[in-house]
C-alpha cells in the first residue's frame, strides 16, 4: 500500500473558503475514489491556521496513478482550489503495517 501525504498552505485570507472546499468537495471526492483504502483529513490548528493536510492510503501504486495520472508525484488540483492555495507539498511512502 502507498501512503500519500498532501499538505496545503492557503493564500492569506482564503482559509475559510478553502475550508469549505476541503470539507464539501475534497474529502468526499477522496473518500469515494476507487483504490483509496483510508483517508485521514487534517484541518488547521491555531498555530498553523492556513495549513490543511490529507493522509491517504492507496491500495497500490496503480490505483493512485489511475486517479492522478502517470506523474503521481504532482498535485492533483481541482480548478476550484487553484486560486485558494499558495503552496502544496506531496510525499509518498510505502505503508508499514505493525
Protein backbone atom coordinates (compact mmCIF):
# COMPACT_ATOMS: atom_id res chain seq x y z
CA UNK A 1 0.00 0.00 0.00
CA UNK A 2 1.06 3.56 -0.68
CA UNK A 3 0.75 6.39 1.83
CA UNK A 4 0.31 9.76 0.13
CA UNK A 5 0.66 12.87 2.29
CA UNK A 6 -0.74 16.00 0.71
CA UNK A 7 -0.28 19.31 2.54
CA UNK A 8 -1.67 22.69 1.53
CA UNK A 9 -0.96 26.22 2.70
CA UNK A 10 -3.76 28.57 1.70
CA UNK A 11 -3.29 32.07 0.43
CA UNK A 12 -3.71 34.64 3.23
CA UNK A 13 -7.39 35.39 3.78
CA UNK A 14 -8.54 32.27 1.89
CA UNK A 15 -8.68 29.93 4.90
CA UNK A 16 -12.49 29.88 5.25
CA UNK A 17 -13.07 29.50 1.52
CA UNK A 18 -10.57 26.66 1.28
CA UNK A 19 -12.04 25.09 4.43
CA UNK A 20 -15.44 24.96 2.76
CA UNK A 21 -13.90 23.39 -0.38
CA UNK A 22 -11.92 20.93 1.78
CA UNK A 23 -14.99 19.70 3.68
CA UNK A 24 -17.60 19.84 0.92
CA UNK A 25 -15.57 18.78 -2.14
CA UNK A 26 -12.11 17.37 -1.41
CA UNK A 27 -12.88 14.99 1.47
CA UNK A 28 -15.95 13.41 -0.19
CA UNK A 29 -14.08 13.12 -3.51
CA UNK A 30 -11.13 11.29 -1.99
CA UNK A 31 -13.28 9.07 0.24
CA UNK A 32 -15.30 7.99 -2.79
CA UNK A 33 -12.33 7.27 -5.05
CA UNK A 34 -11.67 3.69 -6.19
CA UNK A 35 -8.44 2.38 -4.71
CA UNK A 36 -8.45 4.55 -1.59
CA UNK A 37 -8.26 2.36 1.50
CA UNK A 38 -8.36 5.14 4.11
CA UNK A 39 -8.35 8.94 4.33
CA UNK A 40 -7.23 11.00 7.30
CA UNK A 41 -8.02 14.68 6.65
CA UNK A 42 -6.34 17.27 8.84
CA UNK A 43 -7.74 20.75 9.49
CA UNK A 44 -5.75 23.77 10.67
CA UNK A 45 -4.71 24.34 14.26
CA UNK A 46 -4.28 27.70 15.98
CA UNK A 47 -0.51 27.70 15.42
CA UNK A 48 -0.88 26.92 11.69
CA UNK A 49 -4.21 28.46 10.61
CA UNK A 50 -3.51 28.23 6.87
CA UNK A 51 -2.40 24.57 6.75
CA UNK A 52 -4.59 21.63 5.71
CA UNK A 53 -3.50 18.06 5.07
CA UNK A 54 -4.58 14.65 3.84
CA UNK A 55 -3.01 11.34 4.64
CA UNK A 56 -4.35 8.89 2.07
CA UNK A 57 -3.75 5.17 1.98
CA UNK A 58 -3.94 3.75 -1.55
CA UNK A 59 -4.37 0.07 -2.34
CA UNK A 60 -1.36 0.19 -4.68
CA UNK A 61 0.58 2.49 -6.97
CA UNK A 62 -1.60 1.65 -9.96
CA UNK A 63 -4.76 2.79 -8.13
CA UNK A 64 -3.05 6.09 -7.33
CA UNK A 65 -1.93 6.51 -10.95
CA UNK A 66 -5.45 5.73 -12.16
CA UNK A 67 -6.65 8.73 -10.13
CA UNK A 68 -3.87 11.29 -10.71
CA UNK A 69 -2.12 10.06 -13.84
CA UNK A 70 1.32 8.64 -14.51
CA UNK A 71 3.05 11.61 -12.87
CA UNK A 72 1.70 10.74 -9.43
CA UNK A 73 4.31 12.94 -7.73
CA UNK A 74 2.50 16.07 -8.95
CA UNK A 75 -0.50 17.55 -7.20
CA UNK A 76 -3.97 16.63 -8.45
CA UNK A 77 -5.61 20.05 -8.38
CA UNK A 78 -9.29 20.81 -8.66
CA UNK A 79 -9.69 24.07 -10.62
CA UNK A 80 -11.74 25.49 -7.72
CA UNK A 81 -8.70 25.01 -5.48
CA UNK A 82 -6.10 26.74 -7.65
CA UNK A 83 -6.78 30.36 -6.62
CA UNK A 84 -7.04 29.44 -2.93
CA UNK A 85 -3.69 27.69 -2.48
CA UNK A 86 -0.29 29.29 -2.05
CA UNK A 87 1.80 26.12 -1.61
CA UNK A 88 1.41 22.34 -1.90
CA UNK A 89 3.63 19.52 -0.72
CA UNK A 90 3.21 15.87 -1.70
CA UNK A 91 5.14 12.92 -0.32
CA UNK A 92 4.76 9.17 -0.89
CA UNK A 93 5.77 6.25 1.32
CA UNK A 94 5.33 2.51 1.40
CA UNK A 95 2.92 1.82 4.24
CA UNK A 96 4.45 -0.11 7.11
CA UNK A 97 1.94 -2.18 8.98
CA UNK A 98 2.83 -3.04 12.58
